Amino acid sequence: MPDENPFWEFSVELYKREGVANACLRLQDRCGADVNILMYCCWAAYHHGAQFDADTVDRILSVVAAWQTAVIKPLRDIRRALKAATHQGIAPDAQERLRNEIKHVELRSERLQQNALFSVELQSMDVSKPAAEARKHAQRNVEFYLTYLDVGTDKIACNDAKLIIDAVFD
């Protein structure tokens, strides 16, 4: 696991920008998108001019799918359940402390996933695309990934994708 990961640093900064967190979470909740893969679509285009094809998306998904299913999603579900309701016999402040601990574990698991994605980029991505086309490539990467999810993209999803990409390039 690399100690320094420019992809992680990019994602943390992007996620802080106005509207990005909400757009990512809507795409996650409405379309089943993996926020780390959304970030990766943008990072690979922004820093390398990369444009994904079906083989690239397959490779990315094969690297992270099991981790996402076995670790990240269950942690997210537990954290959300702890936020949604208080539980009889459990002190609310104790429940909130547990929720925060799980949130930190979830964040560490997200970082491990990003390290895995970063390794995919370092080992196998064709980054020969011109950097001047990075914005167009980011848009195509995100659209291709969302289409690949086979859930259909409506106007809200398209607007959320545009908001994220605008935040990267503006």
N, C-alpha and C. Protein backbone atom coordinates (compact mmCIF):
# COMPACT_ATOMS: atom_id res chain seq x y z
N MET A 1 0.85 -1.19 0.00
CA MET A 1 0.00 0.00 0.00
C MET A 1 0.89 1.24 0.00
N PRO A 2 0.80 2.06 -1.04
CA PRO A 2 1.65 3.26 -1.07
C PRO A 2 1.24 4.25 0.01
N ASP A 3 2.25 4.85 0.65
CA ASP A 3 1.96 5.86 1.67
C ASP A 3 1.43 7.13 1.03
N GLU A 4 1.99 7.48 -0.10
CA GLU A 4 1.51 8.66 -0.82
C GLU A 4 0.76 8.19 -2.05
N ASN A 5 -0.43 8.69 -2.19
CA ASN A 5 -1.26 8.30 -3.30
C ASN A 5 -1.88 9.57 -3.88
N PRO A 6 -1.37 10.05 -5.00
CA PRO A 6 -1.91 11.28 -5.59
C PRO A 6 -3.39 11.16 -5.95
N PHE A 7 -3.84 9.96 -6.25
CA PHE A 7 -5.26 9.75 -6.54
C PHE A 7 -6.09 10.03 -5.29
N TRP A 8 -5.66 9.54 -4.13
CA TRP A 8 -6.37 9.79 -2.87
C TRP A 8 -6.41 11.30 -2.60
N GLU A 9 -5.27 11.95 -2.73
CA GLU A 9 -5.21 13.39 -2.48
C GLU A 9 -6.14 14.16 -3.41
N PHE A 10 -6.17 13.80 -4.68
CA PHE A 10 -7.07 14.39 -5.66
C PHE A 10 -8.52 14.21 -5.22
N SER A 11 -8.87 12.98 -4.81
CA SER A 11 -10.25 12.68 -4.43
C SER A 11 -10.69 13.46 -3.20
N VAL A 12 -9.83 13.55 -2.20
CA VAL A 12 -10.16 14.29 -0.98
C VAL A 12 -10.43 15.75 -1.32
N GLU A 13 -9.59 16.35 -2.15
CA GLU A 13 -9.79 17.75 -2.53
C GLU A 13 -11.05 17.93 -3.37
N LEU A 14 -11.28 17.04 -4.31
CA LEU A 14 -12.47 17.13 -5.16
C LEU A 14 -13.74 16.98 -4.34
N TYR A 15 -13.75 16.03 -3.42
CA TYR A 15 -14.94 15.76 -2.61
C TYR A 15 -15.33 16.96 -1.75
N LYS A 16 -14.37 17.80 -1.40
CA LYS A 16 -14.64 18.99 -0.58
C LYS A 16 -15.29 20.12 -1.37
N ARG A 17 -15.19 20.09 -2.69
CA ARG A 17 -15.70 21.19 -3.51
C ARG A 17 -17.22 21.22 -3.47
N GLU A 18 -17.73 22.42 -3.61
CA GLU A 18 -19.18 22.65 -3.47
C GLU A 18 -19.99 21.72 -4.36
N GLY A 19 -20.91 21.01 -3.74
CA GLY A 19 -21.86 20.15 -4.44
C GLY A 19 -21.35 18.78 -4.81
N VAL A 20 -20.04 18.55 -4.76
CA VAL A 20 -19.49 17.28 -5.24
C VAL A 20 -19.92 16.12 -4.35
N ALA A 21 -19.81 16.28 -3.04
CA ALA A 21 -20.18 15.17 -2.14
C ALA A 21 -21.63 14.75 -2.37
N ASN A 22 -22.53 15.72 -2.44
CA ASN A 22 -23.95 15.39 -2.65
C ASN A 22 -24.17 14.72 -4.01
N ALA A 23 -23.49 15.21 -5.04
CA ALA A 23 -23.63 14.61 -6.38
C ALA A 23 -23.12 13.17 -6.36
N CYS A 24 -21.98 12.94 -5.73
CA CYS A 24 -21.43 11.58 -5.65
C CYS A 24 -22.38 10.65 -4.90
N LEU A 25 -22.90 11.13 -3.79
CA LEU A 25 -23.80 10.29 -2.99
C LEU A 25 -25.11 10.00 -3.70
N ARG A 26 -25.62 10.97 -4.47
CA ARG A 26 -26.83 10.70 -5.25
C ARG A 26 -26.55 9.63 -6.31
N LEU A 27 -25.40 9.73 -6.98
CA LEU A 27 -25.05 8.72 -7.99
C LEU A 27 -24.86 7.36 -7.33
N GLN A 28 -24.31 7.35 -6.13
CA GLN A 28 -24.13 6.10 -5.40
C GLN A 28 -25.48 5.50 -5.03
N ASP A 29 -26.35 6.32 -4.46
CA ASP A 29 -27.63 5.81 -3.95
C ASP A 29 -28.64 5.54 -5.06
N ARG A 30 -28.66 6.36 -6.09
CA ARG A 30 -29.66 6.22 -7.15
C ARG A 30 -29.23 5.27 -8.26
N CYS A 31 -27.92 5.22 -8.54
CA CYS A 31 -27.44 4.46 -9.69
C CYS A 31 -26.55 3.28 -9.30
N GLY A 32 -26.19 3.19 -8.04
CA GLY A 32 -25.29 2.12 -7.61
C GLY A 32 -23.84 2.39 -7.97
N ALA A 33 -23.51 3.65 -8.22
CA ALA A 33 -22.14 4.00 -8.60
C ALA A 33 -21.22 3.90 -7.39
N ASP A 34 -20.00 3.51 -7.64
CA ASP A 34 -18.95 3.48 -6.64
C ASP A 34 -18.25 4.84 -6.71
N VAL A 35 -18.28 5.59 -5.62
CA VAL A 35 -17.71 6.94 -5.61
C VAL A 35 -16.23 6.90 -5.95
N ASN A 36 -15.52 5.89 -5.48
CA ASN A 36 -14.09 5.80 -5.80
C ASN A 36 -13.86 5.62 -7.30
N ILE A 37 -14.71 4.87 -7.95
CA ILE A 37 -14.56 4.70 -9.40
C ILE A 37 -14.92 6.00 -10.13
N LEU A 38 -15.95 6.71 -9.66
CA LEU A 38 -16.25 8.02 -10.24
C LEU A 38 -15.04 8.95 -10.15
N MET A 39 -14.42 8.98 -8.98
CA MET A 39 -13.23 9.81 -8.79
C MET A 39 -12.10 9.36 -9.70
N TYR A 40 -11.96 8.04 -9.83
CA TYR A 40 -10.91 7.48 -10.67
C TYR A 40 -11.10 7.86 -12.14
N CYS A 41 -12.36 7.85 -12.58
CA CYS A 41 -12.66 8.27 -13.96
C CYS A 41 -12.15 9.68 -14.22
N CYS A 42 -12.35 10.54 -13.26
CA CYS A 42 -11.92 11.94 -13.40
C CYS A 42 -10.41 12.08 -13.25
N TRP A 43 -9.85 11.42 -12.24
CA TRP A 43 -8.42 11.53 -11.98
C TRP A 43 -7.59 11.02 -13.16
N ALA A 44 -7.96 9.87 -13.68
CA ALA A 44 -7.20 9.28 -14.79
C ALA A 44 -7.22 10.19 -16.01
N ALA A 45 -8.35 10.83 -16.27
CA ALA A 45 -8.44 11.76 -17.40
C ALA A 45 -7.68 13.05 -17.11
N TYR A 46 -7.86 13.59 -15.93
CA TYR A 46 -7.26 14.88 -15.56
C TYR A 46 -5.73 14.79 -15.54
N HIS A 47 -5.20 13.76 -14.93
CA HIS A 47 -3.75 13.67 -14.77
C HIS A 47 -3.05 12.93 -15.90
N HIS A 48 -3.78 12.11 -16.64
CA HIS A 48 -3.14 11.29 -17.66
C HIS A 48 -3.81 11.36 -19.03
N GLY A 49 -4.91 12.08 -19.14
CA GLY A 49 -5.62 12.13 -20.42
C GLY A 49 -6.23 10.80 -20.80
N ALA A 50 -6.40 9.90 -19.84
CA ALA A 50 -6.87 8.54 -20.12
C ALA A 50 -8.35 8.53 -20.46
N GLN A 51 -8.68 7.70 -21.43
CA GLN A 51 -10.07 7.47 -21.81
C GLN A 51 -10.32 5.98 -21.72
N PHE A 52 -11.33 5.61 -20.93
CA PHE A 52 -11.59 4.20 -20.68
C PHE A 52 -12.36 3.55 -21.82
N ASP A 53 -12.12 2.26 -21.97
CA ASP A 53 -12.92 1.42 -22.85
C ASP A 53 -13.50 0.29 -22.00
N ALA A 54 -14.20 -0.63 -22.62
CA ALA A 54 -14.85 -1.70 -21.87
C ALA A 54 -13.84 -2.56 -21.12
N ASP A 55 -12.69 -2.84 -21.72
CA ASP A 55 -11.68 -3.65 -21.04
C ASP A 55 -11.14 -2.95 -19.80
N THR A 56 -10.95 -1.63 -19.89
CA THR A 56 -10.46 -0.87 -18.73
C THR A 56 -11.47 -0.91 -17.60
N VAL A 57 -12.74 -0.68 -17.92
CA VAL A 57 -13.78 -0.71 -16.89
C VAL A 57 -13.88 -2.11 -16.29
N ASP A 58 -13.81 -3.14 -17.12
CA ASP A 58 -13.83 -4.52 -16.60
C ASP A 58 -12.67 -4.75 -15.63
N ARG A 59 -11.49 -4.28 -16.00
CA ARG A 59 -10.31 -4.46 -15.16
C ARG A 59 -10.48 -3.72 -13.83
N ILE A 60 -10.97 -2.49 -13.90
CA ILE A 60 -11.19 -1.69 -12.69
C ILE A 60 -12.19 -2.39 -11.78
N LEU A 61 -13.31 -2.80 -12.34
CA LEU A 61 -14.34 -3.46 -11.53
C LEU A 61 -13.85 -4.78 -10.94
N SER A 62 -13.06 -5.52 -11.69
CA SER A 62 -12.56 -6.80 -11.18
C SER A 62 -11.62 -6.60 -10.00
N VAL A 63 -10.92 -5.49 -9.97
CA VAL A 63 -10.00 -5.20 -8.87
C VAL A 63 -10.75 -4.84 -7.59
N VAL A 64 -11.86 -4.12 -7.70
CA VAL A 64 -12.50 -3.57 -6.49
C VAL A 64 -13.85 -4.17 -6.13
N ALA A 65 -14.45 -4.95 -6.99
CA ALA A 65 -15.82 -5.43 -6.74
C ALA A 65 -15.95 -6.23 -5.44
N ALA A 66 -15.08 -7.17 -5.21
CA ALA A 66 -15.18 -8.00 -4.01
C ALA A 66 -14.98 -7.15 -2.75
N TRP A 67 -14.03 -6.24 -2.77
CA TRP A 67 -13.78 -5.37 -1.61
C TRP A 67 -14.98 -4.48 -1.36
N GLN A 68 -15.53 -3.93 -2.41
CA GLN A 68 -16.70 -3.07 -2.28
C GLN A 68 -17.87 -3.83 -1.66
N THR A 69 -18.10 -5.03 -2.14
CA THR A 69 -19.23 -5.84 -1.66
C THR A 69 -19.02 -6.37 -0.24
N ALA A 70 -17.83 -6.87 0.04
CA ALA A 70 -17.57 -7.53 1.31
C ALA A 70 -17.23 -6.58 2.45
N VAL A 71 -16.67 -5.41 2.13
CA VAL A 71 -16.17 -4.53 3.19
C VAL A 71 -16.86 -3.17 3.20
N ILE A 72 -16.76 -2.43 2.12
CA ILE A 72 -17.22 -1.04 2.13
C ILE A 72 -18.73 -0.94 2.28
N LYS A 73 -19.48 -1.68 1.49
CA LYS A 73 -20.94 -1.58 1.57
C LYS A 73 -21.48 -1.99 2.94
N PRO A 74 -21.04 -3.11 3.52
CA PRO A 74 -21.54 -3.45 4.86
C PRO A 74 -21.20 -2.38 5.91
N LEU A 75 -20.00 -1.82 5.85
CA LEU A 75 -19.65 -0.75 6.79
C LEU A 75 -20.57 0.46 6.60
N ARG A 76 -20.82 0.83 5.35
CA ARG A 76 -21.70 1.96 5.06
C ARG A 76 -23.12 1.69 5.59
N ASP A 77 -23.60 0.47 5.37
CA ASP A 77 -24.94 0.12 5.83
C ASP A 77 -25.04 0.20 7.35
N ILE A 78 -24.03 -0.28 8.04
CA ILE A 78 -24.04 -0.21 9.52
C ILE A 78 -24.00 1.24 9.97
N ARG A 79 -23.11 2.02 9.38
CA ARG A 79 -23.00 3.44 9.76
C ARG A 79 -24.33 4.16 9.55
N ARG A 80 -24.97 3.91 8.42
CA ARG A 80 -26.25 4.56 8.14
C ARG A 80 -27.35 4.10 9.09
N ALA A 81 -27.33 2.83 9.43
CA ALA A 81 -28.33 2.31 10.37
C ALA A 81 -28.16 2.96 11.74
N LEU A 82 -26.94 3.18 12.14
CA LEU A 82 -26.68 3.82 13.43
C LEU A 82 -27.09 5.29 13.43
N LYS A 83 -27.04 5.90 12.27
CA LYS A 83 -27.44 7.31 12.16
C LYS A 83 -28.96 7.44 12.09
N ALA A 84 -29.61 6.47 11.50
CA ALA A 84 -31.04 6.56 11.20
C ALA A 84 -31.93 6.42 12.43
N ALA A 85 -31.50 5.68 13.43
CA ALA A 85 -32.39 5.42 14.56
C ALA A 85 -31.59 5.15 15.82
N THR A 86 -32.20 5.47 16.95
CA THR A 86 -31.61 5.07 18.22
C THR A 86 -32.13 3.68 18.56
N HIS A 87 -31.36 2.96 19.34
CA HIS A 87 -31.71 1.59 19.66
C HIS A 87 -31.94 1.46 21.16
N GLN A 88 -33.02 0.80 21.50
CA GLN A 88 -33.42 0.65 22.90
C GLN A 88 -32.29 0.03 23.72
N GLY A 89 -32.04 0.64 24.86
CA GLY A 89 -31.01 0.14 25.76
C GLY A 89 -29.61 0.61 25.43
N ILE A 90 -29.44 1.34 24.32
CA ILE A 90 -28.13 1.85 23.92
C ILE A 90 -28.15 3.36 24.09
N ALA A 91 -27.22 3.88 24.86
CA ALA A 91 -27.15 5.32 25.08
C ALA A 91 -26.86 6.01 23.74
N PRO A 92 -27.60 7.05 23.41
CA PRO A 92 -27.39 7.74 22.13
C PRO A 92 -25.95 8.21 21.92
N ASP A 93 -25.29 8.69 22.97
CA ASP A 93 -23.91 9.15 22.78
C ASP A 93 -22.97 7.98 22.51
N ALA A 94 -23.22 6.83 23.12
CA ALA A 94 -22.42 5.64 22.85
C ALA A 94 -22.64 5.16 21.41
N GLN A 95 -23.88 5.22 20.97
CA GLN A 95 -24.20 4.83 19.59
C GLN A 95 -23.50 5.77 18.61
N GLU A 96 -23.50 7.06 18.91
CA GLU A 96 -22.85 8.03 18.02
C GLU A 96 -21.34 7.81 17.99
N ARG A 97 -20.74 7.49 19.12
CA ARG A 97 -19.29 7.20 19.14
C ARG A 97 -18.99 5.98 18.27
N LEU A 98 -19.82 4.95 18.39
CA LEU A 98 -19.63 3.76 17.56
C LEU A 98 -19.80 4.10 16.08
N ARG A 99 -20.81 4.89 15.76
CA ARG A 99 -21.02 5.30 14.36
C ARG A 99 -19.79 6.03 13.83
N ASN A 100 -19.21 6.92 14.63
CA ASN A 100 -18.01 7.64 14.21
C ASN A 100 -16.81 6.71 14.03
N GLU A 101 -16.67 5.73 14.90
CA GLU A 101 -15.59 4.75 14.74
C GLU A 101 -15.77 3.97 13.44
N ILE A 102 -16.99 3.57 13.17
CA ILE A 102 -17.26 2.83 11.92
C ILE A 102 -17.01 3.73 10.72
N LYS A 103 -17.37 5.00 10.84
CA LYS A 103 -17.12 5.95 9.75
C LYS A 103 -15.62 6.03 9.45
N HIS A 104 -14.79 6.04 10.48
CA HIS A 104 -13.34 6.08 10.27
C HIS A 104 -12.83 4.79 9.62
N VAL A 105 -13.36 3.66 10.04
CA VAL A 105 -12.98 2.38 9.43
C VAL A 105 -13.43 2.35 7.97
N GLU A 106 -14.63 2.84 7.72
CA GLU A 106 -15.14 2.91 6.34
C GLU A 106 -14.22 3.77 5.48
N LEU A 107 -13.81 4.90 6.00
CA LEU A 107 -12.91 5.79 5.25
C LEU A 107 -11.57 5.11 4.98
N ARG A 108 -11.04 4.39 5.96
CA ARG A 108 -9.78 3.65 5.73
C ARG A 108 -9.97 2.58 4.67
N SER A 109 -11.14 1.93 4.67
CA SER A 109 -11.39 0.91 3.65
C SER A 109 -11.52 1.54 2.27
N GLU A 110 -12.09 2.75 2.20
CA GLU A 110 -12.16 3.48 0.93
C GLU A 110 -10.75 3.81 0.43
N ARG A 111 -9.89 4.19 1.34
CA ARG A 111 -8.51 4.51 0.95
C ARG A 111 -7.79 3.28 0.42
N LEU A 112 -8.00 2.13 1.06
CA LEU A 112 -7.40 0.90 0.55
C LEU A 112 -7.91 0.59 -0.85
N GLN A 113 -9.19 0.82 -1.09
CA GLN A 113 -9.73 0.61 -2.43
C GLN A 113 -9.07 1.56 -3.41
N GLN A 114 -8.89 2.80 -3.01
CA GLN A 114 -8.24 3.75 -3.91
C GLN A 114 -6.79 3.36 -4.18
N ASN A 115 -6.11 2.80 -3.19
CA ASN A 115 -4.75 2.31 -3.44
C ASN A 115 -4.76 1.21 -4.48
N ALA A 116 -5.77 0.34 -4.42
CA ALA A 116 -5.89 -0.73 -5.42
C ALA A 116 -6.15 -0.13 -6.80
N LEU A 117 -7.03 0.86 -6.88
CA LEU A 117 -7.28 1.52 -8.16
C LEU A 117 -6.04 2.22 -8.68
N PHE A 118 -5.32 2.87 -7.80
CA PHE A 118 -4.08 3.55 -8.18
C PHE A 118 -3.09 2.57 -8.77
N SER A 119 -3.04 1.37 -8.23
CA SER A 119 -2.15 0.33 -8.76
C SER A 119 -2.56 -0.10 -10.16
N VAL A 120 -3.87 -0.14 -10.42
CA VAL A 120 -4.33 -0.48 -11.78
C VAL A 120 -3.79 0.54 -12.76
N GLU A 121 -3.89 1.80 -12.41
CA GLU A 121 -3.41 2.87 -13.29
C GLU A 121 -1.92 2.74 -13.52
N LEU A 122 -1.17 2.49 -12.49
CA LEU A 122 0.28 2.42 -12.63
C LEU A 122 0.72 1.25 -13.48
N GLN A 123 0.01 0.16 -13.43
CA GLN A 123 0.45 -1.05 -14.10
C GLN A 123 -0.06 -1.20 -15.52
N SER A 124 -1.28 -0.72 -15.80
CA SER A 124 -1.87 -1.21 -17.03
C SER A 124 -2.64 -0.21 -17.87
N MET A 125 -2.81 1.01 -17.44
CA MET A 125 -3.63 1.92 -18.22
C MET A 125 -2.83 2.58 -19.33
N ASP A 126 -3.45 2.66 -20.49
CA ASP A 126 -2.86 3.38 -21.60
C ASP A 126 -3.10 4.87 -21.37
N VAL A 127 -2.02 5.61 -21.12
CA VAL A 127 -2.15 7.03 -20.80
C VAL A 127 -1.59 7.90 -21.92
N SER A 128 -1.67 7.41 -23.14
CA SER A 128 -1.08 8.13 -24.25
C SER A 128 -1.98 9.20 -24.85
N LYS A 129 -3.19 9.37 -24.32
CA LYS A 129 -4.11 10.38 -24.85
C LYS A 129 -3.60 11.78 -24.51
N PRO A 130 -3.79 12.74 -25.42
CA PRO A 130 -3.32 14.10 -25.14
C PRO A 130 -4.05 14.75 -23.96
N ALA A 131 -3.29 15.42 -23.12
CA ALA A 131 -3.85 16.03 -21.92
C ALA A 131 -4.87 17.12 -22.24
N ALA A 132 -4.76 17.75 -23.41
CA ALA A 132 -5.68 18.82 -23.78
C ALA A 132 -7.13 18.33 -23.88
N GLU A 133 -7.32 17.07 -24.06
CA GLU A 133 -8.66 16.51 -24.17
C GLU A 133 -9.15 15.92 -22.86
N ALA A 134 -8.50 16.23 -21.77
CA ALA A 134 -8.78 15.60 -20.48
C ALA A 134 -10.23 15.77 -20.04
N ARG A 135 -10.79 16.95 -20.19
CA ARG A 135 -12.17 17.17 -19.75
C ARG A 135 -13.15 16.28 -20.51
N LYS A 136 -12.97 16.23 -21.82
CA LYS A 136 -13.83 15.39 -22.65
C LYS A 136 -13.67 13.91 -22.26
N HIS A 137 -12.45 13.51 -21.96
CA HIS A 137 -12.20 12.13 -21.57
C HIS A 137 -12.82 11.82 -20.20
N ALA A 138 -12.73 12.77 -19.27
CA ALA A 138 -13.36 12.57 -17.96
C ALA A 138 -14.87 12.39 -18.12
N GLN A 139 -15.47 13.24 -18.94
CA GLN A 139 -16.91 13.14 -19.19
C GLN A 139 -17.26 11.78 -19.78
N ARG A 140 -16.49 11.35 -20.77
CA ARG A 140 -16.75 10.05 -21.39
C ARG A 140 -16.52 8.91 -20.41
N ASN A 141 -15.46 9.02 -19.60
CA ASN A 141 -15.18 7.97 -18.61
C ASN A 141 -16.34 7.80 -17.64
N VAL A 142 -16.83 8.93 -17.11
CA VAL A 142 -17.94 8.87 -16.16
C VAL A 142 -19.19 8.35 -16.84
N GLU A 143 -19.51 8.88 -18.02
CA GLU A 143 -20.70 8.42 -18.74
C GLU A 143 -20.59 6.93 -19.07
N PHE A 144 -19.41 6.50 -19.51
CA PHE A 144 -19.21 5.10 -19.86
C PHE A 144 -19.39 4.23 -18.63
N TYR A 145 -18.83 4.65 -17.52
CA TYR A 145 -18.98 3.88 -16.27
C TYR A 145 -20.44 3.80 -15.85
N LEU A 146 -21.16 4.92 -15.88
CA LEU A 146 -22.57 4.92 -15.48
C LEU A 146 -23.40 4.05 -16.42
N THR A 147 -23.10 4.11 -17.70
CA THR A 147 -23.80 3.26 -18.67
C THR A 147 -23.49 1.79 -18.40
N TYR A 148 -22.24 1.53 -18.05
CA TYR A 148 -21.80 0.17 -17.76
C TYR A 148 -22.57 -0.43 -16.59
N LEU A 149 -23.02 0.42 -15.66
CA LEU A 149 -23.79 -0.06 -14.51
C LEU A 149 -25.15 -0.58 -14.93
N ASP A 150 -25.59 -0.24 -16.14
CA ASP A 150 -26.83 -0.73 -16.71
C ASP A 150 -28.05 -0.38 -15.85
N VAL A 151 -28.05 0.82 -15.31
CA VAL A 151 -29.20 1.27 -14.53
C VAL A 151 -29.89 2.44 -15.22
N GLY A 152 -29.35 2.85 -16.34
CA GLY A 152 -29.91 4.00 -17.03
C GLY A 152 -29.52 5.28 -16.32
N THR A 153 -29.31 6.31 -17.06
CA THR A 153 -28.97 7.59 -16.46
C THR A 153 -30.03 8.60 -16.86
N ASP A 154 -30.61 9.21 -15.87
CA ASP A 154 -31.62 10.21 -16.11
C ASP A 154 -31.00 11.60 -16.03
N LYS A 155 -31.85 12.61 -16.10
CA LYS A 155 -31.35 13.99 -16.10
C LYS A 155 -30.62 14.31 -14.80
N ILE A 156 -31.11 13.80 -13.67
CA ILE A 156 -30.45 14.07 -12.39
C ILE A 156 -29.04 13.48 -12.39
N ALA A 157 -28.90 12.23 -12.85
CA ALA A 157 -27.59 11.58 -12.90
C ALA A 157 -26.65 12.33 -13.84
N CYS A 158 -27.16 12.74 -14.98
CA CYS A 158 -26.34 13.50 -15.94
C CYS A 158 -25.89 14.83 -15.33
N ASN A 159 -26.79 15.49 -14.64
CA ASN A 159 -26.43 16.76 -13.99
C ASN A 159 -25.40 16.54 -12.89
N ASP A 160 -25.54 15.47 -12.12
CA ASP A 160 -24.57 15.17 -11.07
C ASP A 160 -23.20 14.88 -11.67
N ALA A 161 -23.17 14.11 -12.73
CA ALA A 161 -21.89 13.81 -13.41
C ALA A 161 -21.25 15.09 -13.91
N LYS A 162 -22.04 15.96 -14.50
CA LYS A 162 -21.53 17.24 -15.01
C LYS A 162 -20.99 18.10 -13.87
N LEU A 163 -21.69 18.13 -12.74
CA LEU A 163 -21.24 18.92 -11.60
C LEU A 163 -19.87 18.44 -11.13
N ILE A 164 -19.68 17.13 -11.05
CA ILE A 164 -18.40 16.58 -10.60
C ILE A 164 -17.30 16.96 -11.58
N ILE A 165 -17.56 16.79 -12.86
CA ILE A 165 -16.54 17.09 -13.86
C ILE A 165 -16.24 18.58 -13.89
N ASP A 166 -17.26 19.41 -13.78
CA ASP A 166 -17.03 20.87 -13.71
C ASP A 166 -16.14 21.21 -12.52
N ALA A 167 -16.35 20.53 -11.39
CA ALA A 167 -15.54 20.80 -10.20
C ALA A 167 -14.07 20.41 -10.43
N VAL A 168 -13.83 19.41 -11.23
CA VAL A 168 -12.46 19.00 -11.55
C VAL A 168 -11.77 20.04 -12.42
N PHE A 169 -12.47 20.54 -13.42
CA PHE A 169 -11.83 21.34 -14.46
C PHE A 169 -12.05 22.84 -14.36
N ASP A 170 -12.92 23.29 -13.48
CA ASP A 170 -13.15 24.74 -13.35
C ASP A 170 -12.37 25.33 -12.20
